[in-house]
Amino acid sequence: MDLGIEGRWALVCAASKGLGLACARALVREGVHVVVTARGEAALQASAAALRALDPTVQVRAVAGDITTPEGRSAALAAAPQIDILVNNAGGPPPGDFRDWSREDWMRAVDANMLTPIELIKACVDSMAERRFGRIVNITSGAVKAPIDVLGLSNGARSGLTGFIAGLARSPRLASANVTINNLLPGAFDTDRLQATLAGAARKAGTSLEQAADARRRQCPAGRFGEPDEFGALCAYLCSAGAGFVTGQNILIDGGAYPGTY
């Protein structure tokens, strides 16, 4: 299926590994030029090299830096001639008990998982509207629909972004200009972050990592963890020319784990 985005430029955040890298990979396979950014220089450069190997005709530019800072955002945005596609992504804040979290903990979570995506959207969205093409995908979490008690920092910050997007995506100025904004809500995907979460659960329960993983798999009707490339494929579709009538949506991709009807 031709997604109709060959030659477009994308900025993909937190793209050195995991779901961010999977999204960048899917876009490169569609002929999209990408700017990938993450904090770790070595991992980012290795991932950028792997992306270039997928299609030598596609430009892949790697910008190491902290996207939560004005300097990090400016450097990433300046690496492309224009941003047609923006994939916002950031690692979630640590789990814990809300009684232990300071104001600084909350501000770090809100800055990374709410305010930074908003700043990047603000930097891109008007020029997207002028060109009459823009696709913005925010990677949030399945916990936005089914909050998890120990993920309060993530629940709060990501829900704030979700509420903001619900209004912005429905702005006639953007929607009528072929600019869409959607949120992708992942469940349990086989990433480094999931492995770290499972390791923590295993330590707490006094079980092995494999036992913790099996218990988590049983919570999912699909009976397995998601593959990052499955996530990337859905992201690429939302970025496609054919997805122009999909905006303001919170799309779960969790193997059926969410138990609700709506």
C-alpha atoms as a PDB file:
ATOM      1  CA  MET A   1       0.000   0.000   0.000  1.00  0.00           C
ATOM      2  CA  ASP A   2       1.425   3.365  -1.032  1.00  0.00           C
ATOM      3  CA  LEU A   3       0.872   5.755   1.873  1.00  0.00           C
ATOM      4  CA  GLY A   4       1.499   8.792  -0.310  1.00  0.00           C
ATOM      5  CA  ILE A   5       4.153  10.404   1.894  1.00  0.00           C
ATOM      6  CA  GLU A   6       7.344   9.681  -0.033  1.00  0.00           C
ATOM      7  CA  GLY A   7       9.674  12.680   0.077  1.00  0.00           C
ATOM      8  CA  ARG A   8       8.043  14.230   3.145  1.00  0.00           C
ATOM      9  CA  TRP A   9      10.123  15.253   6.178  1.00  0.00           C
ATOM     10  CA  ALA A  10       9.480  13.879   9.648  1.00  0.00           C
ATOM     11  CA  LEU A  11      10.815  14.623  13.110  1.00  0.00           C
ATOM     12  CA  VAL A  12      10.660  11.579  15.379  1.00  0.00           C
ATOM     13  CA  CYS A  13      11.491  12.073  19.054  1.00  0.00           C
ATOM     14  CA  ALA A  14      13.085   9.519  21.391  1.00  0.00           C
ATOM     15  CA  ALA A  15      13.948   7.497  18.295  1.00  0.00           C
ATOM     16  CA  SER A  16      17.135   5.701  19.308  1.00  0.00           C
ATOM     17  CA  LYS A  17      15.208   2.594  20.375  1.00  0.00           C
ATOM     18  CA  GLY A  18      11.807   1.157  21.169  1.00  0.00           C
ATOM     19  CA  LEU A  19       8.598   2.562  19.768  1.00  0.00           C
ATOM     20  CA  GLY A  20      10.181   5.794  18.537  1.00  0.00           C
ATOM     21  CA  LEU A  21      12.707   3.879  16.461  1.00  0.00           C
ATOM     22  CA  ALA A  22       9.947   1.619  15.124  1.00  0.00           C
ATOM     23  CA  CYS A  23       7.999   4.672  13.949  1.00  0.00           C
ATOM     24  CA  ALA A  24      11.092   6.109  12.254  1.00  0.00           C
ATOM     25  CA  ARG A  25      11.734   2.747  10.603  1.00  0.00           C
ATOM     26  CA  ALA A  26       8.201   2.557   9.224  1.00  0.00           C
ATOM     27  CA  LEU A  27       8.434   6.091   7.837  1.00  0.00           C
ATOM     28  CA  VAL A  28      11.802   5.469   6.176  1.00  0.00           C
ATOM     29  CA  ARG A  29      10.318   2.400   4.487  1.00  0.00           C
ATOM     30  CA  GLU A  30       7.700   4.740   3.014  1.00  0.00           C
ATOM     31  CA  GLY A  31      10.383   7.018   1.581  1.00  0.00           C
ATOM     32  CA  VAL A  32      10.073   9.702   4.266  1.00  0.00           C
ATOM     33  CA  HIS A  33      13.192  11.693   5.185  1.00  0.00           C
ATOM     34  CA  VAL A  34      13.589  11.683   8.957  1.00  0.00           C
ATOM     35  CA  VAL A  35      15.267  13.640  11.692  1.00  0.00           C
ATOM     36  CA  VAL A  36      15.700  11.397  14.704  1.00  0.00           C
ATOM     37  CA  THR A  37      16.539  12.744  18.113  1.00  0.00           C
ATOM     38  CA  ALA A  38      17.361  11.280  21.518  1.00  0.00           C
ATOM     39  CA  ARG A  39      19.678  12.025  24.411  1.00  0.00           C
ATOM     40  CA  GLY A  40      22.218   9.241  23.912  1.00  0.00           C
ATOM     41  CA  GLU A  41      24.624  10.033  21.071  1.00  0.00           C
ATOM     42  CA  ALA A  42      26.038   6.530  20.560  1.00  0.00           C
ATOM     43  CA  ALA A  43      22.695   4.709  20.490  1.00  0.00           C
ATOM     44  CA  LEU A  44      21.170   7.388  18.283  1.00  0.00           C
ATOM     45  CA  GLN A  45      23.959   7.242  15.717  1.00  0.00           C
ATOM     46  CA  ALA A  46      23.765   3.439  15.595  1.00  0.00           C
ATOM     47  CA  SER A  47      20.018   3.599  15.033  1.00  0.00           C
ATOM     48  CA  ALA A  48      20.423   6.279  12.363  1.00  0.00           C
ATOM     49  CA  ALA A  49      22.922   4.064  10.525  1.00  0.00           C
ATOM     50  CA  ALA A  50      20.446   1.177  10.602  1.00  0.00           C
ATOM     51  CA  LEU A  51      17.732   3.453   9.232  1.00  0.00           C
ATOM     52  CA  ARG A  52      19.958   4.640   6.383  1.00  0.00           C
ATOM     53  CA  ALA A  53      20.637   1.027   5.433  1.00  0.00           C
ATOM     54  CA  LEU A  54      16.907   0.486   4.849  1.00  0.00           C
ATOM     55  CA  ASP A  55      16.839   2.928   1.932  1.00  0.00           C
ATOM     56  CA  PRO A  56      19.954   4.771   0.771  1.00  0.00           C
ATOM     57  CA  THR A  57      17.803   7.307  -1.105  1.00  0.00           C
ATOM     58  CA  VAL A  58      16.223   8.548   2.112  1.00  0.00           C
ATOM     59  CA  GLN A  59      17.926  11.198   4.223  1.00  0.00           C
ATOM     60  CA  VAL A  60      18.313  10.360   7.900  1.00  0.00           C
ATOM     61  CA  ARG A  61      19.657  13.091  10.156  1.00  0.00           C
ATOM     62  CA  ALA A  62      20.491  12.376  13.793  1.00  0.00           C
ATOM     63  CA  VAL A  63      20.425  15.156  16.371  1.00  0.00           C
ATOM     64  CA  ALA A  64      21.452  14.167  19.884  1.00  0.00           C
ATOM     65  CA  GLY A  65      20.074  16.378  22.616  1.00  0.00           C
ATOM     66  CA  ASP A  66      17.442  16.913  25.264  1.00  0.00           C
ATOM     67  CA  ILE A  67      14.167  17.633  23.478  1.00  0.00           C
ATOM     68  CA  THR A  68      12.687  18.981  26.728  1.00  0.00           C
ATOM     69  CA  THR A  69      14.972  22.022  26.478  1.00  0.00           C
ATOM     70  CA  PRO A  70      14.573  24.972  24.108  1.00  0.00           C
ATOM     71  CA  GLU A  71      18.049  24.286  22.746  1.00  0.00           C
ATOM     72  CA  GLY A  72      17.285  20.633  22.081  1.00  0.00           C
ATOM     73  CA  ARG A  73      14.041  21.481  20.293  1.00  0.00           C
ATOM     74  CA  SER A  74      15.652  24.197  18.191  1.00  0.00           C
ATOM     75  CA  ALA A  75      18.457  21.907  17.054  1.00  0.00           C
ATOM     76  CA  ALA A  76      16.066  19.106  16.086  1.00  0.00           C
ATOM     77  CA  LEU A  77      13.688  21.411  14.238  1.00  0.00           C
ATOM     78  CA  ALA A  78      16.531  23.145  12.381  1.00  0.00           C
ATOM     79  CA  ALA A  79      17.838  19.839  11.003  1.00  0.00           C
ATOM     80  CA  ALA A  80      15.025  19.563   8.429  1.00  0.00           C
ATOM     81  CA  PRO A  81      14.011  22.008   5.707  1.00  0.00           C
ATOM     82  CA  GLN A  82      10.431  21.646   6.941  1.00  0.00           C
ATOM     83  CA  ILE A  83       8.456  19.376   9.240  1.00  0.00           C
ATOM     84  CA  ASP A  84       5.555  17.627   7.525  1.00  0.00           C
ATOM     85  CA  ILE A  85       5.246  14.855  10.108  1.00  0.00           C
ATOM     86  CA  LEU A  86       5.877  15.144  13.840  1.00  0.00           C
ATOM     87  CA  VAL A  87       6.018  12.114  16.105  1.00  0.00           C
ATOM     88  CA  ASN A  88       6.132  13.200  19.728  1.00  0.00           C
ATOM     89  CA  ASN A  89       7.551  10.650  22.113  1.00  0.00           C
ATOM     90  CA  ALA A  90       9.218  10.629  25.512  1.00  0.00           C
ATOM     91  CA  GLY A  91       9.993   7.988  28.073  1.00  0.00           C
ATOM     92  CA  GLY A  92       7.471   7.881  30.860  1.00  0.00           C
ATOM     93  CA  PRO A  93       8.329   9.048  34.379  1.00  0.00           C
ATOM     94  CA  PRO A  94       9.136   6.409  36.992  1.00  0.00           C
ATOM     95  CA  PRO A  95       6.430   4.537  38.898  1.00  0.00           C
ATOM     96  CA  GLY A  96       5.914   5.023  42.591  1.00  0.00           C
ATOM     97  CA  ASP A  97       3.687   6.248  45.404  1.00  0.00           C
ATOM     98  CA  PHE A  98       2.309   9.755  44.967  1.00  0.00           C
ATOM     99  CA  ARG A  99       3.125  10.489  48.602  1.00  0.00           C
ATOM    100  CA  ASP A 100       6.797  10.345  47.704  1.00  0.00           C
ATOM    101  CA  TRP A 101       6.696  12.696  44.720  1.00  0.00           C
ATOM    102  CA  SER A 102       7.883  16.261  45.071  1.00  0.00           C
ATOM    103  CA  ARG A 103       6.792  19.260  43.059  1.00  0.00           C
ATOM    104  CA  GLU A 104      10.000  18.856  41.051  1.00  0.00           C
ATOM    105  CA  ASP A 105       9.012  15.273  40.173  1.00  0.00           C
ATOM    106  CA  TRP A 106       5.655  16.501  38.904  1.00  0.00           C
ATOM    107  CA  MET A 107       7.187  19.333  36.916  1.00  0.00           C
ATOM    108  CA  ARG A 108       9.668  16.987  35.203  1.00  0.00           C
ATOM    109  CA  ALA A 109       6.809  14.679  34.223  1.00  0.00           C
ATOM    110  CA  VAL A 110       4.617  17.494  32.931  1.00  0.00           C
ATOM    111  CA  ASP A 111       7.529  19.089  31.085  1.00  0.00           C
ATOM    112  CA  ALA A 112       8.506  15.869  29.280  1.00  0.00           C
ATOM    113  CA  ASN A 113       5.096  14.351  28.624  1.00  0.00           C
ATOM    114  CA  MET A 114       2.881  17.406  28.142  1.00  0.00           C
ATOM    115  CA  LEU A 115       4.662  20.722  27.660  1.00  0.00           C
ATOM    116  CA  THR A 116       7.434  19.523  25.325  1.00  0.00           C
ATOM    117  CA  PRO A 117       4.994  17.978  22.813  1.00  0.00           C
ATOM    118  CA  ILE A 118       2.927  21.167  22.939  1.00  0.00           C
ATOM    119  CA  GLU A 119       6.012  23.303  22.239  1.00  0.00           C
ATOM    120  CA  LEU A 120       6.956  21.143  19.254  1.00  0.00           C
ATOM    121  CA  ILE A 121       3.415  21.269  17.910  1.00  0.00           C
ATOM    122  CA  LYS A 122       3.418  25.047  18.279  1.00  0.00           C
ATOM    123  CA  ALA A 123       6.660  25.247  16.311  1.00  0.00           C
ATOM    124  CA  CYS A 124       5.297  23.173  13.403  1.00  0.00           C
ATOM    125  CA  VAL A 125       1.561  23.445  13.108  1.00  0.00           C
ATOM    126  CA  ASP A 126       1.084  26.819  11.422  1.00  0.00           C
ATOM    127  CA  SER A 127       3.537  26.077   8.625  1.00  0.00           C
ATOM    128  CA  MET A 128       1.852  22.700   8.157  1.00  0.00           C
ATOM    129  CA  ALA A 129      -1.465  24.486   7.718  1.00  0.00           C
ATOM    130  CA  GLU A 130       0.053  26.900   5.191  1.00  0.00           C
ATOM    131  CA  ARG A 131       1.327  23.943   3.116  1.00  0.00           C
ATOM    132  CA  ARG A 132      -2.003  22.135   3.609  1.00  0.00           C
ATOM    133  CA  PHE A 133      -0.409  18.972   4.894  1.00  0.00           C
ATOM    134  CA  GLY A 134       0.557  17.984   8.397  1.00  0.00           C
ATOM    135  CA  ARG A 135       0.494  14.842  10.481  1.00  0.00           C
ATOM    136  CA  ILE A 136       1.159  14.867  14.210  1.00  0.00           C
ATOM    137  CA  VAL A 137       1.184  11.685  16.249  1.00  0.00           C
ATOM    138  CA  ASN A 138       1.697  11.765  20.002  1.00  0.00           C
ATOM    139  CA  ILE A 139       2.823   8.515  21.587  1.00  0.00           C
ATOM    140  CA  THR A 140       1.134   8.472  24.985  1.00  0.00           C
ATOM    141  CA  SER A 141       0.045   5.346  26.890  1.00  0.00           C
ATOM    142  CA  GLY A 142      -2.781   2.893  27.300  1.00  0.00           C
ATOM    143  CA  ALA A 143      -2.832   4.120  30.905  1.00  0.00           C
ATOM    144  CA  VAL A 144      -4.562   7.281  29.650  1.00  0.00           C
ATOM    145  CA  LYS A 145      -7.721   5.156  29.226  1.00  0.00           C
ATOM    146  CA  ALA A 146      -7.053   2.666  32.019  1.00  0.00           C
ATOM    147  CA  PRO A 147      -4.922   4.437  34.634  1.00  0.00           C
ATOM    148  CA  ILE A 148      -2.452   2.405  36.669  1.00  0.00           C
ATOM    149  CA  ASP A 149      -2.094   3.480  40.287  1.00  0.00           C
ATOM    150  CA  VAL A 150       1.718   3.396  40.427  1.00  0.00           C
ATOM    151  CA  LEU A 151       1.997   5.449  37.217  1.00  0.00           C
ATOM    152  CA  GLY A 152       0.420   8.577  38.639  1.00  0.00           C
ATOM    153  CA  LEU A 153       3.033  10.921  37.187  1.00  0.00           C
ATOM    154  CA  SER A 154       2.458   9.508  33.718  1.00  0.00           C
ATOM    155  CA  ASN A 155      -1.328   9.339  34.157  1.00  0.00           C
ATOM    156  CA  GLY A 156      -1.492  12.999  35.091  1.00  0.00           C
ATOM    157  CA  ALA A 157       0.941  14.456  32.553  1.00  0.00           C
ATOM    158  CA  ARG A 158      -0.264  12.402  29.585  1.00  0.00           C
ATOM    159  CA  SER A 159      -3.911  13.038  30.400  1.00  0.00           C
ATOM    160  CA  GLY A 160      -3.147  16.743  30.350  1.00  0.00           C
ATOM    161  CA  LEU A 161      -1.718  16.403  26.842  1.00  0.00           C
ATOM    162  CA  THR A 162      -4.728  14.329  25.790  1.00  0.00           C
ATOM    163  CA  GLY A 163      -7.138  17.030  26.900  1.00  0.00           C
ATOM    164  CA  PHE A 164      -5.164  19.731  25.130  1.00  0.00           C
ATOM    165  CA  ILE A 165      -5.047  17.746  21.877  1.00  0.00           C
ATOM    166  CA  ALA A 166      -8.779  17.071  22.013  1.00  0.00           C
ATOM    167  CA  GLY A 167      -9.399  20.768  21.542  1.00  0.00           C
ATOM    168  CA  LEU A 168      -6.534  21.662  19.225  1.00  0.00           C
ATOM    169  CA  ALA A 169      -7.133  18.826  16.750  1.00  0.00           C
ATOM    170  CA  ARG A 170     -10.687  20.041  16.228  1.00  0.00           C
ATOM    171  CA  SER A 171      -9.667  23.575  15.383  1.00  0.00           C
ATOM    172  CA  PRO A 172     -11.281  24.299  11.988  1.00  0.00           C
ATOM    173  CA  ARG A 173      -8.176  26.194  10.914  1.00  0.00           C
ATOM    174  CA  LEU A 174      -6.113  23.012  11.233  1.00  0.00           C
ATOM    175  CA  ALA A 175      -8.586  20.274  10.379  1.00  0.00           C
ATOM    176  CA  SER A 176      -9.738  22.051   7.217  1.00  0.00           C
ATOM    177  CA  ALA A 177      -6.105  22.542   6.173  1.00  0.00           C
ATOM    178  CA  ASN A 178      -5.375  18.799   6.145  1.00  0.00           C
ATOM    179  CA  VAL A 179      -3.477  18.905   9.441  1.00  0.00           C
ATOM    180  CA  THR A 180      -4.317  16.000  11.729  1.00  0.00           C
ATOM    181  CA  ILE A 181      -3.325  15.373  15.339  1.00  0.00           C
ATOM    182  CA  ASN A 182      -3.835  11.979  16.945  1.00  0.00           C
ATOM    183  CA  ASN A 183      -2.630  10.087  19.974  1.00  0.00           C
ATOM    184  CA  LEU A 184      -1.363   6.511  19.854  1.00  0.00           C
ATOM    185  CA  LEU A 185      -1.849   4.632  23.126  1.00  0.00           C
ATOM    186  CA  PRO A 186       0.449   1.596  23.377  1.00  0.00           C
ATOM    187  CA  GLY A 187      -0.114  -1.315  25.676  1.00  0.00           C
ATOM    188  CA  ALA A 188       2.622  -3.810  26.510  1.00  0.00           C
ATOM    189  CA  PHE A 189       5.221  -3.808  23.727  1.00  0.00           C
ATOM    190  CA  ASP A 190       8.447  -5.756  23.781  1.00  0.00           C
ATOM    191  CA  THR A 191      10.809  -2.870  24.459  1.00  0.00           C
ATOM    192  CA  ASP A 192      13.643  -2.124  26.855  1.00  0.00           C
ATOM    193  CA  ARG A 193      11.246  -0.142  29.013  1.00  0.00           C
ATOM    194  CA  LEU A 194       8.880  -3.104  29.358  1.00  0.00           C
ATOM    195  CA  GLN A 195      11.790  -5.355  30.304  1.00  0.00           C
ATOM    196  CA  ALA A 196      12.829  -2.889  32.993  1.00  0.00           C
ATOM    197  CA  THR A 197       9.258  -2.717  34.311  1.00  0.00           C
ATOM    198  CA  LEU A 198       9.019  -6.497  34.402  1.00  0.00           C
ATOM    199  CA  ALA A 199      12.351  -6.742  36.207  1.00  0.00           C
ATOM    200  CA  GLY A 200      11.055  -4.349  38.856  1.00  0.00           C
ATOM    201  CA  ALA A 201       7.837  -6.350  39.224  1.00  0.00           C
ATOM    202  CA  ALA A 202       9.819  -9.563  39.554  1.00  0.00           C
ATOM    203  CA  ARG A 203      12.003  -8.116  42.316  1.00  0.00           C
ATOM    204  CA  LYS A 204       8.980  -6.823  44.191  1.00  0.00           C
ATOM    205  CA  ALA A 205       7.134 -10.157  43.954  1.00  0.00           C
ATOM    206  CA  GLY A 206      10.199 -12.287  44.578  1.00  0.00           C
ATOM    207  CA  THR A 207       9.765 -14.162  41.297  1.00  0.00           C
ATOM    208  CA  SER A 208      11.841 -14.618  38.162  1.00  0.00           C
ATOM    209  CA  LEU A 209      11.759 -12.270  35.200  1.00  0.00           C
ATOM    210  CA  GLU A 210      10.172 -14.972  33.035  1.00  0.00           C
ATOM    211  CA  GLN A 211       7.433 -15.558  35.612  1.00  0.00           C
ATOM    212  CA  ALA A 212       6.700 -11.831  35.697  1.00  0.00           C
ATOM    213  CA  ALA A 213       6.618 -11.741  31.897  1.00  0.00           C
ATOM    214  CA  ASP A 214       4.260 -14.730  31.714  1.00  0.00           C
ATOM    215  CA  ALA A 215       1.915 -13.120  34.221  1.00  0.00           C
ATOM    216  CA  ARG A 216       1.849  -9.913  32.183  1.00  0.00           C
ATOM    217  CA  ARG A 217       1.211 -11.814  28.940  1.00  0.00           C
ATOM    218  CA  ARG A 218      -1.778 -13.544  30.499  1.00  0.00           C
ATOM    219  CA  GLN A 219      -3.364 -10.138  31.106  1.00  0.00           C
ATOM    220  CA  CYS A 220      -3.543  -9.598  27.340  1.00  0.00           C
ATOM    221  CA  PRO A 221      -6.152 -11.414  25.203  1.00  0.00           C
ATOM    222  CA  ALA A 222      -3.569 -11.669  22.409  1.00  0.00           C
ATOM    223  CA  GLY A 223      -1.428 -13.737  24.756  1.00  0.00           C
ATOM    224  CA  ARG A 224       1.773 -11.928  23.830  1.00  0.00           C
ATOM    225  CA  PHE A 225       3.554  -8.605  23.872  1.00  0.00           C
ATOM    226  CA  GLY A 226       3.292  -6.311  20.877  1.00  0.00           C
ATOM    227  CA  GLU A 227       6.117  -6.056  18.372  1.00  0.00           C
ATOM    228  CA  PRO A 228       7.470  -2.514  17.932  1.00  0.00           C
ATOM    229  CA  ASP A 229       7.104  -2.731  14.137  1.00  0.00           C
ATOM    230  CA  GLU A 230       3.365  -3.336  14.590  1.00  0.00           C
ATOM    231  CA  PHE A 231       3.215  -0.022  16.406  1.00  0.00           C
ATOM    232  CA  GLY A 232       5.333   1.671  13.739  1.00  0.00           C
ATOM    233  CA  ALA A 233       2.999   0.474  10.991  1.00  0.00           C
ATOM    234  CA  LEU A 234      -0.022   2.067  12.660  1.00  0.00           C
ATOM    235  CA  CYS A 235       1.902   5.285  13.218  1.00  0.00           C
ATOM    236  CA  ALA A 236       2.878   5.373   9.532  1.00  0.00           C
ATOM    237  CA  TYR A 237      -0.755   4.954   8.511  1.00  0.00           C
ATOM    238  CA  LEU A 238      -1.831   7.882  10.694  1.00  0.00           C
ATOM    239  CA  CYS A 239       0.893   9.913   8.962  1.00  0.00           C
ATOM    240  CA  SER A 240      -0.304   8.899   5.502  1.00  0.00           C
ATOM    241  CA  ALA A 241      -2.035  10.944   2.850  1.00  0.00           C
ATOM    242  CA  GLY A 242      -5.052   8.664   3.202  1.00  0.00           C
ATOM    243  CA  ALA A 243      -5.544   9.401   6.907  1.00  0.00           C
ATOM    244  CA  GLY A 244      -6.620  13.002   6.444  1.00  0.00           C
ATOM    245  CA  PHE A 245     -10.096  12.355   7.883  1.00  0.00           C
ATOM    246  CA  VAL A 246      -8.725  10.888  11.129  1.00  0.00           C
ATOM    247  CA  THR A 247      -8.025  13.546  13.731  1.00  0.00           C
ATOM    248  CA  GLY A 248      -8.453  14.119  17.442  1.00  0.00           C
ATOM    249  CA  GLN A 249      -8.474  10.387  18.151  1.00  0.00           C
ATOM    250  CA  ASN A 250      -6.963   8.301  20.951  1.00  0.00           C
ATOM    251  CA  ILE A 251      -6.122   4.999  19.311  1.00  0.00           C
ATOM    252  CA  LEU A 252      -5.327   2.013  21.515  1.00  0.00           C
ATOM    253  CA  ILE A 253      -2.926  -0.629  20.278  1.00  0.00           C
ATOM    254  CA  ASP A 254      -2.788  -3.121  23.133  1.00  0.00           C
ATOM    255  CA  GLY A 255      -3.774  -6.591  21.920  1.00  0.00           C
ATOM    256  CA  GLY A 256      -7.254  -6.192  23.408  1.00  0.00           C
ATOM    257  CA  ALA A 257      -6.071  -5.545  26.960  1.00  0.00           C
ATOM    258  CA  TYR A 258      -8.360  -2.575  27.582  1.00  0.00           C
ATOM    259  CA  PRO A 259     -11.561  -4.084  29.022  1.00  0.00           C
ATOM    260  CA  GLY A 260     -14.032  -1.325  28.157  1.00  0.00           C
ATOM    261  CA  THR A 261     -16.469  -0.758  25.308  1.00  0.00           C
ATOM    262  CA  TYR A 262     -15.527   2.884  24.676  1.00  0.00           C
END
